[in-house]
Amino acid sequence: MTSSDPAPAHPQPSITAVTQYEIFNYLRGISSPWWGRLDEVTFLEDLYDLDQPAPENSRLPTVRADIQQHRIKTVSYVVRGR
């Protein structure tokens, strides 16, 4: 049987809010970095376009520059022992 209709588009994969919460809690609880063996920027650039313009409230030109500034070049907070 042949159909002239185009193949149905696959829906965008999604996860529930509960699953997002569980993943976030898991990542917060592990002692190794969430980005694994890669550096953060390399890990994220496989998931997102980091060269797009940064949000309007950023003084930096791209998302990549924003990440590098706030996660790599500047330590914005101090983690204290419990």
C-alpha atoms as a PDB file:
ATOM      1  CA  MET A   1       0.000   0.000   0.000  1.00  0.00           C
ATOM      2  CA  THR A   2       1.464   3.347  -1.048  1.00  0.00           C
ATOM      3  CA  SER A   3       0.574   6.756   0.277  1.00  0.00           C
ATOM      4  CA  SER A   4       1.318  10.125  -1.277  1.00  0.00           C
ATOM      5  CA  ASP A   5       1.155  11.811   2.143  1.00  0.00           C
ATOM      6  CA  PRO A   6       4.500  12.916   3.513  1.00  0.00           C
ATOM      7  CA  ALA A   7       5.835  11.014   6.492  1.00  0.00           C
ATOM      8  CA  PRO A   8       4.557  12.446   9.775  1.00  0.00           C
ATOM      9  CA  ALA A   9       6.967  14.743  11.535  1.00  0.00           C
ATOM     10  CA  HIS A  10       8.423  13.407  14.751  1.00  0.00           C
ATOM     11  CA  PRO A  11       7.338  15.362  17.809  1.00  0.00           C
ATOM     12  CA  GLN A  12      10.002  17.306  19.665  1.00  0.00           C
ATOM     13  CA  PRO A  13      11.311  15.103  22.482  1.00  0.00           C
ATOM     14  CA  SER A  14      10.398  16.384  25.905  1.00  0.00           C
ATOM     15  CA  ILE A  15      10.642  15.358  29.525  1.00  0.00           C
ATOM     16  CA  THR A  16       8.257  16.048  32.341  1.00  0.00           C
ATOM     17  CA  ALA A  17       8.866  18.613  35.059  1.00  0.00           C
ATOM     18  CA  VAL A  18       9.241  15.754  37.543  1.00  0.00           C
ATOM     19  CA  THR A  19      11.972  14.149  35.422  1.00  0.00           C
ATOM     20  CA  GLN A  20      13.743  17.509  35.017  1.00  0.00           C
ATOM     21  CA  TYR A  21      13.662  17.935  38.794  1.00  0.00           C
ATOM     22  CA  GLU A  22      15.068  14.436  39.374  1.00  0.00           C
ATOM     23  CA  ILE A  23      17.876  14.965  36.836  1.00  0.00           C
ATOM     24  CA  PHE A  24      18.769  18.314  38.403  1.00  0.00           C
ATOM     25  CA  ASN A  25      18.873  16.803  41.891  1.00  0.00           C
ATOM     26  CA  TYR A  26      20.999  13.905  40.652  1.00  0.00           C
ATOM     27  CA  LEU A  27      23.509  16.257  39.005  1.00  0.00           C
ATOM     28  CA  ARG A  28      23.698  18.408  42.140  1.00  0.00           C
ATOM     29  CA  GLY A  29      24.421  15.326  44.230  1.00  0.00           C
ATOM     30  CA  ILE A  30      27.333  13.869  42.273  1.00  0.00           C
ATOM     31  CA  SER A  31      30.847  14.878  43.204  1.00  0.00           C
ATOM     32  CA  SER A  32      32.244  15.026  39.668  1.00  0.00           C
ATOM     33  CA  PRO A  33      31.543  17.930  37.283  1.00  0.00           C
ATOM     34  CA  TRP A  34      28.242  17.750  35.392  1.00  0.00           C
ATOM     35  CA  TRP A  35      30.056  18.330  32.085  1.00  0.00           C
ATOM     36  CA  GLY A  36      32.121  15.143  32.447  1.00  0.00           C
ATOM     37  CA  ARG A  37      35.601  14.984  30.929  1.00  0.00           C
ATOM     38  CA  LEU A  38      35.049  17.913  28.568  1.00  0.00           C
ATOM     39  CA  ASP A  39      35.349  21.529  29.584  1.00  0.00           C
ATOM     40  CA  GLU A  40      32.004  23.264  30.129  1.00  0.00           C
ATOM     41  CA  VAL A  41      32.007  25.217  26.857  1.00  0.00           C
ATOM     42  CA  THR A  42      32.841  22.156  24.736  1.00  0.00           C
ATOM     43  CA  PHE A  43      30.083  20.183  26.461  1.00  0.00           C
ATOM     44  CA  LEU A  44      27.508  22.938  25.982  1.00  0.00           C
ATOM     45  CA  GLU A  45      28.409  23.750  22.372  1.00  0.00           C
ATOM     46  CA  ASP A  46      27.320  20.242  21.372  1.00  0.00           C
ATOM     47  CA  LEU A  47      23.877  21.038  22.791  1.00  0.00           C
ATOM     48  CA  TYR A  48      23.375  24.724  22.004  1.00  0.00           C
ATOM     49  CA  ASP A  49      24.463  27.428  19.583  1.00  0.00           C
ATOM     50  CA  LEU A  50      26.766  29.369  21.889  1.00  0.00           C
ATOM     51  CA  ASP A  51      27.618  31.927  19.214  1.00  0.00           C
ATOM     52  CA  GLN A  52      24.120  33.384  19.167  1.00  0.00           C
ATOM     53  CA  PRO A  53      23.669  36.832  20.695  1.00  0.00           C
ATOM     54  CA  ALA A  54      23.644  36.896  24.476  1.00  0.00           C
ATOM     55  CA  PRO A  55      20.456  37.849  26.334  1.00  0.00           C
ATOM     56  CA  GLU A  56      19.517  41.529  26.344  1.00  0.00           C
ATOM     57  CA  ASN A  57      20.712  41.990  29.922  1.00  0.00           C
ATOM     58  CA  SER A  58      24.256  40.841  29.076  1.00  0.00           C
ATOM     59  CA  ARG A  59      27.113  43.191  28.350  1.00  0.00           C
ATOM     60  CA  LEU A  60      28.810  40.463  26.302  1.00  0.00           C
ATOM     61  CA  PRO A  61      28.214  39.768  22.589  1.00  0.00           C
ATOM     62  CA  THR A  62      27.486  36.022  22.645  1.00  0.00           C
ATOM     63  CA  VAL A  63      26.268  33.280  24.944  1.00  0.00           C
ATOM     64  CA  ARG A  64      29.768  31.716  24.668  1.00  0.00           C
ATOM     65  CA  ALA A  65      31.403  34.927  25.924  1.00  0.00           C
ATOM     66  CA  ASP A  66      28.864  35.144  28.739  1.00  0.00           C
ATOM     67  CA  ILE A  67      29.604  31.567  29.870  1.00  0.00           C
ATOM     68  CA  GLN A  68      33.344  32.101  29.651  1.00  0.00           C
ATOM     69  CA  GLN A  69      33.110  35.320  31.665  1.00  0.00           C
ATOM     70  CA  HIS A  70      30.884  34.042  34.444  1.00  0.00           C
ATOM     71  CA  ARG A  71      31.925  30.388  34.707  1.00  0.00           C
ATOM     72  CA  ILE A  72      35.614  30.409  33.737  1.00  0.00           C
ATOM     73  CA  LYS A  73      37.246  33.844  34.024  1.00  0.00           C
ATOM     74  CA  THR A  74      35.472  35.077  37.158  1.00  0.00           C
ATOM     75  CA  VAL A  75      34.636  33.203  40.301  1.00  0.00           C
ATOM     76  CA  SER A  76      31.423  34.937  41.315  1.00  0.00           C
ATOM     77  CA  TYR A  77      30.938  33.036  44.536  1.00  0.00           C
ATOM     78  CA  VAL A  78      32.825  31.090  47.155  1.00  0.00           C
ATOM     79  CA  VAL A  79      31.748  27.588  48.082  1.00  0.00           C
ATOM     80  CA  ARG A  80      32.242  27.080  51.789  1.00  0.00           C
ATOM     81  CA  GLY A  81      32.542  23.761  53.572  1.00  0.00           C
ATOM     82  CA  ARG A  82      29.613  22.530  55.599  1.00  0.00           C
END
